[in-house]
Every structure is written in structure tokens, then in C-alpha cells.
């Protein structure tokens, strides 16, 4: 039932999603530019929580292919429209979840999770699953709002309102207040080595990090 409520929430958010994210465009643009340096034309990529598909469409020309998933069917519909308008053929958008059993072990060279880890029911389970379906030496690239770190007065007010709405059930997803060091700890605890990281600030702090899957010996 919780998943159905989450799907409904993101479906409702989809129509104005791009517009509401415009205020953080500096963070998004910087994160995407950072990511491009780690992508190769031989890479098969999973974009987990792809939203309206902006990042996948921008990365499509740099990689072999992208499988982009989101639990919201309306987000996926918008993503497919963007890809169609851009004549992008190597991105497959699908309503799905990363825990679907069809995603087998060691399937992807790179997994992206932008603005995801602070909203999932269990960041620990998600990070373990990402490690499982990454190829040996694969890369996990994430961007996570750090809501216990620096933010503007206006953003802080908005976050406090969101937390109240979460508490009374009007927003049916968790919104965690985590720090960049906690993200590092999560990655290290689940078999990753941090390769590069950057704290990006524009009204709020977001943590960009590239982590490499460690070989099990």
C-alpha cells in the first residue's frame, strides 16, 4: 500500500516537476557536468529514479545505452515524450523499481541515483541492491540533498513545512535530514570506495559522489 501512495504522490508531482526544480538548476547542471566525465561510450547505465528523464536524455549520446526507471507512470510518460522529441533511441524508459527481480546481478557499468537516497524507505537496502547489480569495478554516481547542512532561510522554511506534511501523512515518502559524511559511511559500509566527491551549494547543500564497487576477495 505504501508503494501505491508513493506512486500517486510522484504522479501528482510530475506535471510541475521540472518547473519546481528550476530553482536548483545550478546544482542539477553542475552534477550532470561532473557525471559526464565518468561516462564511456561502452557503458550500459541504469538511471534509478529518473524522474522526467532530463539527465538520461543528456547522457544518451555519451554511452552505449541507458535503462531509466521510475515508480511514477506519469514521470515515465513525460520522459518518453522528451526522448521522442530529441530523437533519442538508446534510452529505455520504464515504470519499475530497482528491487524488481528482472534486474540480475552484475548487469550495469554505471548506476545513477540523483536526489533519491533521502527519500527511499531504506537507503541501506537500496545501496546494497545497487552494489549487487553493478558490474565488477562499476560506478555508483549519486547526488543527495544534505538537509542537515547549509541551506538558505527560505529553503529551510520549505523543508520544515515538508517535514510537517510528512509527519501528518500528506506526503507519503520519508524525507531524511542527512549529511555528506553519512552518505560516505553508507557507501563504505556497502562495499564501495569513494572516488570523487563535491559539495555543491545553491540555496541548499547537495552532495555529488562517485563510488566504485570494490572487488570481493
C-alpha atoms as a PDB file:
ATOM      1  CA  UNK A   1       0.000   0.000   0.000  1.00  0.00           C
ATOM      2  CA  UNK A   2       2.835   2.366   0.765  1.00  0.00           C
ATOM      3  CA  UNK A   3       4.200   1.929  -2.764  1.00  0.00           C
ATOM      4  CA  UNK A   4       0.803   2.822  -4.234  1.00  0.00           C
ATOM      5  CA  UNK A   5       0.721   6.008  -2.160  1.00  0.00           C
ATOM      6  CA  UNK A   6       4.261   6.852  -3.284  1.00  0.00           C
ATOM      7  CA  UNK A   7       3.376   6.281  -6.929  1.00  0.00           C
ATOM      8  CA  UNK A   8       0.334   8.521  -6.576  1.00  0.00           C
ATOM      9  CA  UNK A   9       2.425  11.248  -4.918  1.00  0.00           C
ATOM     10  CA  UNK A  10       5.022  11.275  -7.712  1.00  0.00           C
ATOM     11  CA  UNK A  11       2.314  11.058 -10.376  1.00  0.00           C
ATOM     12  CA  UNK A  12       0.734  14.188  -8.923  1.00  0.00           C
ATOM     13  CA  UNK A  13       4.124  15.910  -8.756  1.00  0.00           C
ATOM     14  CA  UNK A  14       5.061  15.062 -12.344  1.00  0.00           C
ATOM     15  CA  UNK A  15       3.135  17.811 -14.113  1.00  0.00           C
ATOM     16  CA  UNK A  16       5.027  20.646 -12.427  1.00  0.00           C
ATOM     17  CA  UNK A  17       8.173  18.720 -11.521  1.00  0.00           C
ATOM     18  CA  UNK A  18      10.526  20.399 -13.987  1.00  0.00           C
ATOM     19  CA  UNK A  19       9.286  23.860 -13.038  1.00  0.00           C
ATOM     20  CA  UNK A  20       9.646  23.259  -9.305  1.00  0.00           C
ATOM     21  CA  UNK A  21      13.218  22.047  -9.829  1.00  0.00           C
ATOM     22  CA  UNK A  22      14.286  25.163 -11.770  1.00  0.00           C
ATOM     23  CA  UNK A  23      15.424  26.910  -8.595  1.00  0.00           C
ATOM     24  CA  UNK A  24      18.038  24.151  -8.106  1.00  0.00           C
ATOM     25  CA  UNK A  25      19.160  24.137 -11.740  1.00  0.00           C
ATOM     26  CA  UNK A  26      22.701  25.218 -10.800  1.00  0.00           C
ATOM     27  CA  UNK A  27      23.054  22.091  -8.629  1.00  0.00           C
ATOM     28  CA  UNK A  28      21.488  19.855 -11.286  1.00  0.00           C
ATOM     29  CA  UNK A  29      23.643  21.286 -14.088  1.00  0.00           C
ATOM     30  CA  UNK A  30      26.846  21.030 -12.048  1.00  0.00           C
ATOM     31  CA  UNK A  31      26.018  17.438 -11.071  1.00  0.00           C
ATOM     32  CA  UNK A  32      25.360  16.435 -14.675  1.00  0.00           C
ATOM     33  CA  UNK A  33      28.587  18.058 -15.876  1.00  0.00           C
ATOM     34  CA  UNK A  34      30.518  16.208 -13.169  1.00  0.00           C
ATOM     35  CA  UNK A  35      28.865  12.933 -14.149  1.00  0.00           C
ATOM     36  CA  UNK A  36      29.737  13.241 -17.835  1.00  0.00           C
ATOM     37  CA  UNK A  37      33.446  12.907 -17.027  1.00  0.00           C
ATOM     38  CA  UNK A  38      32.872   9.367 -15.739  1.00  0.00           C
ATOM     39  CA  UNK A  39      30.772   8.028 -18.619  1.00  0.00           C
ATOM     40  CA  UNK A  40      32.212   5.989 -21.515  1.00  0.00           C
ATOM     41  CA  UNK A  41      30.732   5.116 -24.875  1.00  0.00           C
ATOM     42  CA  UNK A  42      30.817   1.416 -23.939  1.00  0.00           C
ATOM     43  CA  UNK A  43      28.775   1.882 -20.736  1.00  0.00           C
ATOM     44  CA  UNK A  44      25.377   0.379 -20.039  1.00  0.00           C
ATOM     45  CA  UNK A  45      23.730   2.665 -17.475  1.00  0.00           C
ATOM     46  CA  UNK A  46      20.810   2.358 -15.066  1.00  0.00           C
ATOM     47  CA  UNK A  47      19.183   5.672 -14.118  1.00  0.00           C
ATOM     48  CA  UNK A  48      17.323   4.843 -10.910  1.00  0.00           C
ATOM     49  CA  UNK A  49      14.533   7.292 -10.108  1.00  0.00           C
ATOM     50  CA  UNK A  50      14.890   9.041 -13.456  1.00  0.00           C
ATOM     51  CA  UNK A  51      12.026  11.481 -12.857  1.00  0.00           C
ATOM     52  CA  UNK A  52      11.171  13.320 -16.065  1.00  0.00           C
ATOM     53  CA  UNK A  53      14.221  11.951 -17.867  1.00  0.00           C
ATOM     54  CA  UNK A  54      16.296  15.111 -18.232  1.00  0.00           C
ATOM     55  CA  UNK A  55      19.585  13.540 -17.113  1.00  0.00           C
ATOM     56  CA  UNK A  56      19.141  10.347 -19.155  1.00  0.00           C
ATOM     57  CA  UNK A  57      18.417  12.337 -22.299  1.00  0.00           C
ATOM     58  CA  UNK A  58      21.501  14.484 -21.760  1.00  0.00           C
ATOM     59  CA  UNK A  59      23.751  11.473 -21.138  1.00  0.00           C
ATOM     60  CA  UNK A  60      22.384   9.362 -24.001  1.00  0.00           C
ATOM     61  CA  UNK A  61      24.970  10.443 -26.585  1.00  0.00           C
ATOM     62  CA  UNK A  62      27.859   9.579 -24.244  1.00  0.00           C
ATOM     63  CA  UNK A  63      27.051   5.922 -23.532  1.00  0.00           C
ATOM     64  CA  UNK A  64      26.022   2.683 -25.213  1.00  0.00           C
ATOM     65  CA  UNK A  65      22.594   2.646 -23.626  1.00  0.00           C
ATOM     66  CA  UNK A  66      20.535   3.716 -20.627  1.00  0.00           C
ATOM     67  CA  UNK A  67      17.743   1.894 -18.824  1.00  0.00           C
ATOM     68  CA  UNK A  68      15.850   4.598 -16.934  1.00  0.00           C
ATOM     69  CA  UNK A  69      13.291   3.647 -14.295  1.00  0.00           C
ATOM     70  CA  UNK A  70      10.850   5.425 -12.023  1.00  0.00           C
ATOM     71  CA  UNK A  71       7.860   4.254  -9.973  1.00  0.00           C
ATOM     72  CA  UNK A  72       5.696   7.017 -11.465  1.00  0.00           C
ATOM     73  CA  UNK A  73       3.995   6.174 -14.759  1.00  0.00           C
ATOM     74  CA  UNK A  74       3.393   9.864 -15.419  1.00  0.00           C
ATOM     75  CA  UNK A  75       7.085  10.701 -14.918  1.00  0.00           C
ATOM     76  CA  UNK A  76       7.891   7.946 -17.418  1.00  0.00           C
ATOM     77  CA  UNK A  77       5.344   9.307 -19.907  1.00  0.00           C
ATOM     78  CA  UNK A  78       6.992  12.747 -19.762  1.00  0.00           C
ATOM     79  CA  UNK A  79      10.428  11.134 -20.138  1.00  0.00           C
ATOM     80  CA  UNK A  80       9.359   9.208 -23.228  1.00  0.00           C
ATOM     81  CA  UNK A  81       7.994  12.387 -24.778  1.00  0.00           C
ATOM     82  CA  UNK A  82      11.324  14.176 -24.193  1.00  0.00           C
ATOM     83  CA  UNK A  83      13.234  11.297 -25.786  1.00  0.00           C
ATOM     84  CA  UNK A  84      10.879  11.257 -28.752  1.00  0.00           C
ATOM     85  CA  UNK A  85      11.225  14.993 -29.320  1.00  0.00           C
ATOM     86  CA  UNK A  86      15.018  14.650 -29.094  1.00  0.00           C
ATOM     87  CA  UNK A  87      15.050  11.600 -31.396  1.00  0.00           C
ATOM     88  CA  UNK A  88      16.879   9.645 -28.676  1.00  0.00           C
ATOM     89  CA  UNK A  89      16.825   5.902 -29.330  1.00  0.00           C
ATOM     90  CA  UNK A  90      19.272   4.365 -26.842  1.00  0.00           C
ATOM     91  CA  UNK A  91      17.311   5.186 -23.671  1.00  0.00           C
ATOM     92  CA  UNK A  92      14.628   2.777 -22.491  1.00  0.00           C
ATOM     93  CA  UNK A  93      12.214   4.403 -20.026  1.00  0.00           C
ATOM     94  CA  UNK A  94      10.174   2.037 -17.869  1.00  0.00           C
ATOM     95  CA  UNK A  95       7.934   2.225 -14.825  1.00  0.00           C
ATOM     96  CA  UNK A  96       9.756  -0.065 -12.440  1.00  0.00           C
ATOM     97  CA  UNK A  97      11.667  -0.345  -9.180  1.00  0.00           C
ATOM     98  CA  UNK A  98      15.276  -1.310  -8.602  1.00  0.00           C
ATOM     99  CA  UNK A  99      14.232  -4.316  -6.486  1.00  0.00           C
ATOM    100  CA  UNK A 100      12.450  -5.953  -9.409  1.00  0.00           C
ATOM    101  CA  UNK A 101      13.935  -9.449  -9.789  1.00  0.00           C
ATOM    102  CA  UNK A 102      14.400  -8.969 -13.533  1.00  0.00           C
ATOM    103  CA  UNK A 103      17.486  -6.865 -12.758  1.00  0.00           C
ATOM    104  CA  UNK A 104      20.107  -9.545 -12.358  1.00  0.00           C
ATOM    105  CA  UNK A 105      23.453  -9.368 -10.616  1.00  0.00           C
ATOM    106  CA  UNK A 106      26.288  -7.520 -12.360  1.00  0.00           C
ATOM    107  CA  UNK A 107      24.168  -6.019 -15.140  1.00  0.00           C
ATOM    108  CA  UNK A 108      25.319  -2.374 -15.312  1.00  0.00           C
ATOM    109  CA  UNK A 109      28.554  -0.442 -15.688  1.00  0.00           C
ATOM    110  CA  UNK A 110      27.158   2.706 -14.054  1.00  0.00           C
ATOM    111  CA  UNK A 111      24.140   3.300 -11.831  1.00  0.00           C
ATOM    112  CA  UNK A 112      22.829   6.810 -11.268  1.00  0.00           C
ATOM    113  CA  UNK A 113      20.667   7.872  -8.319  1.00  0.00           C
ATOM    114  CA  UNK A 114      20.026  11.599  -8.404  1.00  0.00           C
ATOM    115  CA  UNK A 115      18.098  13.105  -5.480  1.00  0.00           C
ATOM    116  CA  UNK A 116      16.968   9.684  -4.306  1.00  0.00           C
ATOM    117  CA  UNK A 117      18.720   8.430  -1.184  1.00  0.00           C
ATOM    118  CA  UNK A 118      16.982  10.871   1.181  1.00  0.00           C
ATOM    119  CA  UNK A 119      13.505   9.729   0.032  1.00  0.00           C
ATOM    120  CA  UNK A 120      13.670   5.923  -0.132  1.00  0.00           C
ATOM    121  CA  UNK A 121      12.304   3.720   2.683  1.00  0.00           C
ATOM    122  CA  UNK A 122      15.730   2.139   3.291  1.00  0.00           C
ATOM    123  CA  UNK A 123      18.921   3.758   1.918  1.00  0.00           C
ATOM    124  CA  UNK A 124      20.826   0.732   3.277  1.00  0.00           C
ATOM    125  CA  UNK A 125      18.778  -1.739   1.205  1.00  0.00           C
ATOM    126  CA  UNK A 126      18.973   0.459  -1.886  1.00  0.00           C
ATOM    127  CA  UNK A 127      22.746   0.802  -1.658  1.00  0.00           C
ATOM    128  CA  UNK A 128      23.172  -2.950  -1.185  1.00  0.00           C
ATOM    129  CA  UNK A 129      20.960  -3.595  -4.214  1.00  0.00           C
ATOM    130  CA  UNK A 130      22.930  -1.129  -6.333  1.00  0.00           C
ATOM    131  CA  UNK A 131      26.151  -2.907  -5.399  1.00  0.00           C
ATOM    132  CA  UNK A 132      24.580  -6.242  -6.318  1.00  0.00           C
ATOM    133  CA  UNK A 133      23.552  -5.268  -9.867  1.00  0.00           C
ATOM    134  CA  UNK A 134      26.690  -3.282 -10.701  1.00  0.00           C
ATOM    135  CA  UNK A 135      29.394  -4.945 -12.764  1.00  0.00           C
ATOM    136  CA  UNK A 136      32.765  -5.553 -11.070  1.00  0.00           C
ATOM    137  CA  UNK A 137      34.520  -2.163 -10.774  1.00  0.00           C
ATOM    138  CA  UNK A 138      31.223  -0.492 -11.719  1.00  0.00           C
ATOM    139  CA  UNK A 139      30.456   3.069 -10.634  1.00  0.00           C
ATOM    140  CA  UNK A 140      27.625   4.359  -8.483  1.00  0.00           C
ATOM    141  CA  UNK A 141      27.066   8.087  -9.056  1.00  0.00           C
ATOM    142  CA  UNK A 142      24.677   9.880  -6.749  1.00  0.00           C
ATOM    143  CA  UNK A 143      23.551  13.355  -5.802  1.00  0.00           C
ATOM    144  CA  UNK A 144      21.859  13.748  -2.431  1.00  0.00           C
ATOM    145  CA  UNK A 145      20.371  16.872  -0.813  1.00  0.00           C
ATOM    146  CA  UNK A 146      22.002  17.198   2.597  1.00  0.00           C
ATOM    147  CA  UNK A 147      19.174  18.635   4.640  1.00  0.00           C
ATOM    148  CA  UNK A 148      21.153  18.800   7.885  1.00  0.00           C
ATOM    149  CA  UNK A 149      23.733  21.094   6.311  1.00  0.00           C
ATOM    150  CA  UNK A 150      23.806  24.630   4.969  1.00  0.00           C
ATOM    151  CA  UNK A 151      20.681  25.990   3.314  1.00  0.00           C
ATOM    152  CA  UNK A 152      19.049  29.364   2.778  1.00  0.00           C
ATOM    153  CA  UNK A 153      16.385  30.649   5.158  1.00  0.00           C
ATOM    154  CA  UNK A 154      13.674  30.172   2.518  1.00  0.00           C
ATOM    155  CA  UNK A 155      14.686  26.601   1.703  1.00  0.00           C
ATOM    156  CA  UNK A 156      14.862  25.813   5.418  1.00  0.00           C
ATOM    157  CA  UNK A 157      11.288  27.052   5.880  1.00  0.00           C
ATOM    158  CA  UNK A 158      10.158  24.902   2.978  1.00  0.00           C
ATOM    159  CA  UNK A 159      11.901  21.835   4.397  1.00  0.00           C
ATOM    160  CA  UNK A 160      10.270  22.386   7.794  1.00  0.00           C
ATOM    161  CA  UNK A 161       6.864  22.534   6.082  1.00  0.00           C
ATOM    162  CA  UNK A 162       7.617  19.331   4.160  1.00  0.00           C
ATOM    163  CA  UNK A 163       8.601  17.561   7.376  1.00  0.00           C
ATOM    164  CA  UNK A 164       5.280  18.549   8.964  1.00  0.00           C
ATOM    165  CA  UNK A 165       3.377  17.289   5.921  1.00  0.00           C
ATOM    166  CA  UNK A 166       5.329  14.017   6.097  1.00  0.00           C
ATOM    167  CA  UNK A 167       4.522  13.624   9.769  1.00  0.00           C
ATOM    168  CA  UNK A 168       0.771  14.030   9.230  1.00  0.00           C
ATOM    169  CA  UNK A 169       0.824  11.752   6.185  1.00  0.00           C
ATOM    170  CA  UNK A 170       0.092  14.227   3.402  1.00  0.00           C
ATOM    171  CA  UNK A 171       3.497  13.457   1.881  1.00  0.00           C
ATOM    172  CA  UNK A 172       3.762   9.629   1.921  1.00  0.00           C
ATOM    173  CA  UNK A 173       7.522   9.388   1.473  1.00  0.00           C
ATOM    174  CA  UNK A 174      10.349   9.781   4.001  1.00  0.00           C
ATOM    175  CA  UNK A 175      12.407  12.974   3.773  1.00  0.00           C
ATOM    176  CA  UNK A 176      15.633  12.331   5.660  1.00  0.00           C
ATOM    177  CA  UNK A 177      17.937  15.016   7.008  1.00  0.00           C
ATOM    178  CA  UNK A 178      21.331  13.502   6.266  1.00  0.00           C
ATOM    179  CA  UNK A 179      24.877  14.795   5.876  1.00  0.00           C
ATOM    180  CA  UNK A 180      27.547  14.162   3.261  1.00  0.00           C
ATOM    181  CA  UNK A 181      29.601  12.186   5.790  1.00  0.00           C
ATOM    182  CA  UNK A 182      26.624   9.911   6.407  1.00  0.00           C
ATOM    183  CA  UNK A 183      26.395   9.273   2.650  1.00  0.00           C
ATOM    184  CA  UNK A 184      30.100   8.334   2.641  1.00  0.00           C
ATOM    185  CA  UNK A 185      29.552   5.987   5.592  1.00  0.00           C
ATOM    186  CA  UNK A 186      26.599   4.367   3.809  1.00  0.00           C
ATOM    187  CA  UNK A 187      28.663   3.744   0.691  1.00  0.00           C
ATOM    188  CA  UNK A 188      31.683   2.368   2.532  1.00  0.00           C
ATOM    189  CA  UNK A 189      29.503   0.068   4.649  1.00  0.00           C
ATOM    190  CA  UNK A 190      28.014  -1.423   1.493  1.00  0.00           C
ATOM    191  CA  UNK A 191      31.139  -2.265  -0.465  1.00  0.00           C
ATOM    192  CA  UNK A 192      32.074   0.982  -2.208  1.00  0.00           C
ATOM    193  CA  UNK A 193      35.141   3.190  -2.328  1.00  0.00           C
ATOM    194  CA  UNK A 194      34.567   6.917  -2.840  1.00  0.00           C
ATOM    195  CA  UNK A 195      36.408   8.026  -5.989  1.00  0.00           C
ATOM    196  CA  UNK A 196      35.379  11.669  -6.160  1.00  0.00           C
ATOM    197  CA  UNK A 197      33.006  13.921  -4.277  1.00  0.00           C
ATOM    198  CA  UNK A 198      31.910  17.540  -4.198  1.00  0.00           C
ATOM    199  CA  UNK A 199      29.554  19.510  -2.009  1.00  0.00           C
ATOM    200  CA  UNK A 200      27.515  21.756  -4.300  1.00  0.00           C
ATOM    201  CA  UNK A 201      25.642  24.722  -2.837  1.00  0.00           C
ATOM    202  CA  UNK A 202      23.000  26.987  -4.306  1.00  0.00           C
ATOM    203  CA  UNK A 203      20.350  27.743  -1.734  1.00  0.00           C
ATOM    204  CA  UNK A 204      20.858  24.269  -0.308  1.00  0.00           C
ATOM    205  CA  UNK A 205      23.697  21.757   0.033  1.00  0.00           C
ATOM    206  CA  UNK A 206      23.789  18.763  -2.278  1.00  0.00           C
ATOM    207  CA  UNK A 207      26.449  16.081  -2.220  1.00  0.00           C
ATOM    208  CA  UNK A 208      27.754  14.713  -5.516  1.00  0.00           C
ATOM    209  CA  UNK A 209      29.710  11.485  -5.132  1.00  0.00           C
ATOM    210  CA  UNK A 210      31.214   8.847  -7.400  1.00  0.00           C
ATOM    211  CA  UNK A 211      31.827   5.487  -5.738  1.00  0.00           C
ATOM    212  CA  UNK A 212      33.482   2.388  -7.177  1.00  0.00           C
ATOM    213  CA  UNK A 213      32.286  -1.118  -6.393  1.00  0.00           C
ATOM    214  CA  UNK A 214      35.017  -2.972  -4.534  1.00  0.00           C
ATOM    215  CA  UNK A 215      36.060  -6.433  -5.621  1.00  0.00           C
ATOM    216  CA  UNK A 216      35.255  -9.205  -3.164  1.00  0.00           C
ATOM    217  CA  UNK A 217      38.406 -11.188  -2.424  1.00  0.00           C
END
